[in-house]
PDB file of N, CA and C in Angstrom:
ATOM      1  N   UNK A   1     140.449-114.397-119.701  1.00  0.00           N
ATOM      2  CA  UNK A   1     139.225-115.106-119.416  1.00  0.00           C
ATOM      3  C   UNK A   1     139.089-116.253-120.413  1.00  0.00           C
ATOM      4  N   UNK A   2     138.964-117.449-119.927  1.00  0.00           N
ATOM      5  CA  UNK A   2     138.835-118.618-120.779  1.00  0.00           C
ATOM      6  C   UNK A   2     137.357-118.897-121.024  1.00  0.00           C
ATOM      7  N   UNK A   3     136.916-118.632-122.234  1.00  0.00           N
ATOM      8  CA  UNK A   3     135.496-118.788-122.550  1.00  0.00           C
ATOM      9  C   UNK A   3     135.314-119.860-123.612  1.00  0.00           C
ATOM     10  N   UNK A   4     134.239-120.579-123.496  1.00  0.00           N
ATOM     11  CA  UNK A   4     133.837-121.523-124.520  1.00  0.00           C
ATOM     12  C   UNK A   4     133.316-120.711-125.704  1.00  0.00           C
ATOM     13  N   UNK A   5     133.625-121.119-126.909  1.00  0.00           N
ATOM     14  CA  UNK A   5     133.220-120.368-128.103  1.00  0.00           C
ATOM     15  C   UNK A   5     131.705-120.242-128.203  1.00  0.00           C
ATOM     16  N   UNK A   6     130.965-121.132-127.562  1.00  0.00           N
ATOM     17  CA  UNK A   6     129.506-121.094-127.624  1.00  0.00           C
ATOM     18  C   UNK A   6     128.887-120.194-126.564  1.00  0.00           C
ATOM     19  N   UNK A   7     129.718-119.586-125.720  1.00  0.00           N
ATOM     20  CA  UNK A   7     129.221-118.714-124.655  1.00  0.00           C
ATOM     21  C   UNK A   7     128.914-117.301-125.142  1.00  0.00           C
ATOM     22  N   UNK A   8     129.424-116.945-126.308  1.00  0.00           N
ATOM     23  CA  UNK A   8     129.225-115.586-126.804  1.00  0.00           C
ATOM     24  C   UNK A   8     129.146-115.573-128.328  1.00  0.00           C
ATOM     25  N   UNK A   9     128.715-114.448-128.851  1.00  0.00           N
ATOM     26  CA  UNK A   9     128.526-114.304-130.291  1.00  0.00           C
ATOM     27  C   UNK A   9     129.042-112.935-130.710  1.00  0.00           C
ATOM     28  N   UNK A  10     129.695-112.865-131.870  1.00  0.00           N
ATOM     29  CA  UNK A  10     130.270-111.588-132.287  1.00  0.00           C
ATOM     30  C   UNK A  10     129.203-110.631-132.817  1.00  0.00           C
ATOM     31  N   UNK A  11     129.597-109.382-132.975  1.00  0.00           N
ATOM     32  CA  UNK A  11     128.667-108.307-133.334  1.00  0.00           C
ATOM     33  C   UNK A  11     127.947-108.568-134.663  1.00  0.00           C
ATOM     34  N   UNK A  12     128.672-109.047-135.656  1.00  0.00           N
ATOM     35  CA  UNK A  12     128.058-109.291-136.967  1.00  0.00           C
ATOM     36  C   UNK A  12     126.965-110.365-136.863  1.00  0.00           C
ATOM     37  N   UNK A  13     127.276-111.465-136.226  1.00  0.00           N
ATOM     38  CA  UNK A  13     126.291-112.546-136.098  1.00  0.00           C
ATOM     39  C   UNK A  13     125.122-112.135-135.225  1.00  0.00           C
ATOM     40  N   UNK A  14     125.397-111.351-134.193  1.00  0.00           N
ATOM     41  CA  UNK A  14     124.324-110.858-133.328  1.00  0.00           C
ATOM     42  C   UNK A  14     123.360-109.988-134.125  1.00  0.00           C
ATOM     43  N   UNK A  15     123.904-109.130-134.980  1.00  0.00           N
ATOM     44  CA  UNK A  15     123.056-108.261-135.804  1.00  0.00           C
ATOM     45  C   UNK A  15     122.185-109.093-136.739  1.00  0.00           C
ATOM     46  N   UNK A  16     122.758-110.119-137.330  1.00  0.00           N
ATOM     47  CA  UNK A  16     121.989-110.992-138.232  1.00  0.00           C
ATOM     48  C   UNK A  16     120.878-111.703-137.460  1.00  0.00           C
ATOM     49  N   UNK A  17     121.202-112.250-136.290  1.00  0.00           N
ATOM     50  CA  UNK A  17     120.194-112.950-135.484  1.00  0.00           C
ATOM     51  C   UNK A  17     119.041-112.044-135.073  1.00  0.00           C
ATOM     52  N   UNK A  18     119.366-110.793-134.730  1.00  0.00           N
ATOM     53  CA  UNK A  18     118.335-109.861-134.289  1.00  0.00           C
ATOM     54  C   UNK A  18     117.653-109.136-135.447  1.00  0.00           C
ATOM     55  N   UNK A  19     118.182-109.278-136.654  1.00  0.00           N
ATOM     56  CA  UNK A  19     117.601-108.605-137.810  1.00  0.00           C
ATOM     57  C   UNK A  19     117.828-107.102-137.781  1.00  0.00           C
ATOM     58  N   UNK A  20     118.969-106.698-137.229  1.00  0.00           N
ATOM     59  CA  UNK A  20     119.304-105.279-137.125  1.00  0.00           C
ATOM     60  C   UNK A  20     120.560-104.981-137.925  1.00  0.00           C
ATOM     61  N   UNK A  21     120.664-103.786-138.484  1.00  0.00           N
ATOM     62  CA  UNK A  21     121.945-103.382-139.061  1.00  0.00           C
ATOM     63  C   UNK A  21     122.974-103.245-137.932  1.00  0.00           C
ATOM     64  N   UNK A  22     124.237-103.516-138.222  1.00  0.00           N
ATOM     65  CA  UNK A  22     125.272-103.444-137.195  1.00  0.00           C
ATOM     66  C   UNK A  22     125.334-102.080-136.498  1.00  0.00           C
ATOM     67  N   UNK A  23     125.216-100.966-137.232  1.00  0.00           N
ATOM     68  CA  UNK A  23     125.253 -99.669-136.522  1.00  0.00           C
ATOM     69  C   UNK A  23     124.119 -99.509-135.513  1.00  0.00           C
ATOM     70  N   UNK A  24     122.948-100.050-135.829  1.00  0.00           N
ATOM     71  CA  UNK A  24     121.825 -99.953-134.899  1.00  0.00           C
ATOM     72  C   UNK A  24     122.064-100.834-133.674  1.00  0.00           C
ATOM     73  N   UNK A  25     122.592-102.034-133.873  1.00  0.00           N
ATOM     74  CA  UNK A  25     122.947-102.899-132.755  1.00  0.00           C
ATOM     75  C   UNK A  25     123.997-102.212-131.879  1.00  0.00           C
ATOM     76  N   UNK A  26     124.985-101.587-132.513  1.00  0.00           N
ATOM     77  CA  UNK A  26     126.029-100.873-131.778  1.00  0.00           C
ATOM     78  C   UNK A  26     125.425 -99.763-130.928  1.00  0.00           C
ATOM     79  N   UNK A  27     124.446 -99.053-131.486  1.00  0.00           N
ATOM     80  CA  UNK A  27     123.794 -97.966-130.756  1.00  0.00           C
ATOM     81  C   UNK A  27     123.060 -98.507-129.533  1.00  0.00           C
ATOM     82  N   UNK A  28     122.287 -99.571-129.703  1.00  0.00           N
ATOM     83  CA  UNK A  28     121.588-100.175-128.566  1.00  0.00           C
ATOM     84  C   UNK A  28     122.585-100.702-127.529  1.00  0.00           C
ATOM     85  N   UNK A  29     123.684-101.249-127.993  1.00  0.00           N
ATOM     86  CA  UNK A  29     124.715-101.760-127.093  1.00  0.00           C
ATOM     87  C   UNK A  29     125.308-100.630-126.251  1.00  0.00           C
ATOM     88  N   UNK A  30     125.603 -99.511-126.897  1.00  0.00           N
ATOM     89  CA  UNK A  30     126.183 -98.383-126.181  1.00  0.00           C
ATOM     90  C   UNK A  30     125.193 -97.764-125.204  1.00  0.00           C
ATOM     91  N   UNK A  31     123.952 -97.646-125.621  1.00  0.00           N
ATOM     92  CA  UNK A  31     122.923 -97.067-124.748  1.00  0.00           C
ATOM     93  C   UNK A  31     122.711 -97.928-123.504  1.00  0.00           C
ATOM     94  N   UNK A  32     122.674 -99.234-123.690  1.00  0.00           N
ATOM     95  CA  UNK A  32     122.357-100.149-122.593  1.00  0.00           C
ATOM     96  C   UNK A  32     123.577-100.614-121.800  1.00  0.00           C
ATOM     97  N   UNK A  33     124.757-100.446-122.372  1.00  0.00           N
ATOM     98  CA  UNK A  33     125.959-100.948-121.706  1.00  0.00           C
ATOM     99  C   UNK A  33     126.134-102.448-121.852  1.00  0.00           C
ATOM    100  N   UNK A  34     125.413-103.052-122.784  1.00  0.00           N
ATOM    101  CA  UNK A  34     125.496-104.499-122.996  1.00  0.00           C
ATOM    102  C   UNK A  34     126.536-104.816-124.063  1.00  0.00           C
ATOM    103  N   UNK A  35     127.150-105.971-123.947  1.00  0.00           N
ATOM    104  CA  UNK A  35     128.231-106.359-124.847  1.00  0.00           C
ATOM    105  C   UNK A  35     129.555-105.989-124.205  1.00  0.00           C
ATOM    106  N   UNK A  36     130.602-106.636-124.663  1.00  0.00           N
ATOM    107  CA  UNK A  36     131.921-106.328-124.131  1.00  0.00           C
ATOM    108  C   UNK A  36     132.973-106.592-125.205  1.00  0.00           C
ATOM    109  N   UNK A  37     134.119-105.970-125.029  1.00  0.00           N
ATOM    110  CA  UNK A  37     135.214-106.072-125.992  1.00  0.00           C
ATOM    111  C   UNK A  37     136.122-107.222-125.589  1.00  0.00           C
ATOM    112  N   UNK A  38     136.487-108.038-126.576  1.00  0.00           N
ATOM    113  CA  UNK A  38     137.441-109.125-126.366  1.00  0.00           C
ATOM    114  C   UNK A  38     138.503-109.063-127.446  1.00  0.00           C
ATOM    115  N   UNK A  39     139.691-109.531-127.110  1.00  0.00           N
ATOM    116  CA  UNK A  39     140.767-109.666-128.095  1.00  0.00           C
ATOM    117  C   UNK A  39     140.649-111.037-128.733  1.00  0.00           C
ATOM    118  N   UNK A  40     140.720-111.076-130.066  1.00  0.00           N
ATOM    119  CA  UNK A  40     140.594-112.360-130.761  1.00  0.00           C
ATOM    120  C   UNK A  40     141.882-112.768-131.465  1.00  0.00           C
ATOM    121  N   UNK A  41     142.997-112.111-131.162  1.00  0.00           N
ATOM    122  CA  UNK A  41     144.253-112.428-131.817  1.00  0.00           C
ATOM    123  C   UNK A  41     144.505-111.558-133.028  1.00  0.00           C
ATOM    124  N   UNK A  42     143.452-111.027-133.628  1.00  0.00           N
ATOM    125  CA  UNK A  42     143.567-110.133-134.780  1.00  0.00           C
ATOM    126  C   UNK A  42     143.193-108.713-134.410  1.00  0.00           C
ATOM    127  N   UNK A  43     142.859-108.490-133.175  1.00  0.00           N
ATOM    128  CA  UNK A  43     142.413-107.177-132.715  1.00  0.00           C
ATOM    129  C   UNK A  43     141.258-107.337-131.756  1.00  0.00           C
ATOM    130  N   UNK A  44     140.570-106.247-131.543  1.00  0.00           N
ATOM    131  CA  UNK A  44     139.452-106.267-130.611  1.00  0.00           C
ATOM    132  C   UNK A  44     138.136-106.377-131.370  1.00  0.00           C
ATOM    133  N   UNK A  45     137.169-107.035-130.730  1.00  0.00           N
ATOM    134  CA  UNK A  45     135.835-107.122-131.310  1.00  0.00           C
ATOM    135  C   UNK A  45     134.819-107.103-130.181  1.00  0.00           C
ATOM    136  N   UNK A  46     133.622-106.650-130.497  1.00  0.00           N
ATOM    137  CA  UNK A  46     132.538-106.633-129.518  1.00  0.00           C
ATOM    138  C   UNK A  46     131.819-107.968-129.594  1.00  0.00           C
ATOM    139  N   UNK A  47     131.576-108.559-128.433  1.00  0.00           N
ATOM    140  CA  UNK A  47     130.854-109.827-128.365  1.00  0.00           C
ATOM    141  C   UNK A  47     129.723-109.706-127.345  1.00  0.00           C
ATOM    142  N   UNK A  48     128.748-110.565-127.496  1.00  0.00           N
ATOM    143  CA  UNK A  48     127.566-110.568-126.636  1.00  0.00           C
ATOM    144  C   UNK A  48     127.313-111.973-126.126  1.00  0.00           C
ATOM    145  N   UNK A  49     126.785-112.067-124.919  1.00  0.00           N
ATOM    146  CA  UNK A  49     126.267-113.342-124.436  1.00  0.00           C
ATOM    147  C   UNK A  49     124.836-113.448-124.962  1.00  0.00           C
ATOM    148  N   UNK A  50     124.291-114.620-124.909  1.00  0.00           N
ATOM    149  CA  UNK A  50     122.906-114.785-125.357  1.00  0.00           C
ATOM    150  C   UNK A  50     121.939-114.039-124.437  1.00  0.00           C
ATOM    151  N   UNK A  51     122.278-113.938-123.168  1.00  0.00           N
ATOM    152  CA  UNK A  51     121.450-113.162-122.238  1.00  0.00           C
ATOM    153  C   UNK A  51     121.474-111.680-122.618  1.00  0.00           C
ATOM    154  N   UNK A  52     122.634-111.169-123.006  1.00  0.00           N
ATOM    155  CA  UNK A  52     122.720-109.768-123.442  1.00  0.00           C
ATOM    156  C   UNK A  52     121.897-109.546-124.707  1.00  0.00           C
ATOM    157  N   UNK A  53     121.928-110.502-125.620  1.00  0.00           N
ATOM    158  CA  UNK A  53     121.114-110.382-126.839  1.00  0.00           C
ATOM    159  C   UNK A  53     119.630-110.372-126.506  1.00  0.00           C
ATOM    160  N   UNK A  54     119.236-111.187-125.553  1.00  0.00           N
ATOM    161  CA  UNK A  54     117.832-111.204-125.130  1.00  0.00           C
ATOM    162  C   UNK A  54     117.431-109.841-124.586  1.00  0.00           C
ATOM    163  N   UNK A  55     118.292-109.250-123.781  1.00  0.00           N
ATOM    164  CA  UNK A  55     117.988-107.940-123.197  1.00  0.00           C
ATOM    165  C   UNK A  55     117.956-106.849-124.266  1.00  0.00           C
ATOM    166  N   UNK A  56     118.852-106.908-125.241  1.00  0.00           N
ATOM    167  CA  UNK A  56     118.816-105.942-126.347  1.00  0.00           C
ATOM    168  C   UNK A  56     117.536-106.114-127.137  1.00  0.00           C
ATOM    169  N   UNK A  57     117.133-107.349-127.364  1.00  0.00           N
ATOM    170  CA  UNK A  57     115.892-107.626-128.083  1.00  0.00           C
ATOM    171  C   UNK A  57     114.699-106.982-127.365  1.00  0.00           C
ATOM    172  N   UNK A  58     114.671-107.076-126.038  1.00  0.00           N
ATOM    173  CA  UNK A  58     113.604-106.449-125.271  1.00  0.00           C
ATOM    174  C   UNK A  58     113.639-104.922-125.416  1.00  0.00           C
ATOM    175  N   UNK A  59     114.829-104.342-125.427  1.00  0.00           N
ATOM    176  CA  UNK A  59     114.953-102.899-125.616  1.00  0.00           C
ATOM    177  C   UNK A  59     114.441-102.464-126.991  1.00  0.00           C
ATOM    178  N   UNK A  60     114.789-103.226-128.003  1.00  0.00           N
ATOM    179  CA  UNK A  60     114.336-102.915-129.367  1.00  0.00           C
ATOM    180  C   UNK A  60     112.817-103.004-129.438  1.00  0.00           C
ATOM    181  N   UNK A  61     112.254-104.026-128.833  1.00  0.00           N
ATOM    182  CA  UNK A  61     110.794-104.186-128.846  1.00  0.00           C
ATOM    183  C   UNK A  61     110.111-103.053-128.114  1.00  0.00           C
ATOM    184  N   UNK A  62     110.652-102.610-126.979  1.00  0.00           N
ATOM    185  CA  UNK A  62     110.058-101.497-126.237  1.00  0.00           C
ATOM    186  C   UNK A  62     110.171-100.193-127.005  1.00  0.00           C
ATOM    187  N   UNK A  63     111.256 -99.989-127.697  1.00  0.00           N
ATOM    188  CA  UNK A  63     111.430 -98.725-128.415  1.00  0.00           C
ATOM    189  C   UNK A  63     110.576 -98.638-129.671  1.00  0.00           C
ATOM    190  N   UNK A  64     110.081 -99.784-130.155  1.00  0.00           N
ATOM    191  CA  UNK A  64     109.253 -99.754-131.364  1.00  0.00           C
ATOM    192  C   UNK A  64     107.785 -99.535-131.059  1.00  0.00           C
ATOM    193  N   UNK A  65     107.427 -99.436-129.769  1.00  0.00           N
ATOM    194  CA  UNK A  65     106.032 -99.221-129.394  1.00  0.00           C
ATOM    195  C   UNK A  65     105.672 -97.772-129.460  1.00  0.00           C
TER     196      UNK A  65
END
């Protein structure tokens, strides 16, 4: 899949943007099925689209109520 580098964001940066620890972001990702694994030449990493981050943000907000 040929993707523009601006189409997705890696797990570490996503956690920083959302203000979540990486393990917590990983948990929300697994629960919701959001995010996907890509090969970056050095191995596999989880990446998110901005739409997926928006949806995770909504899940986090709902769970804090």
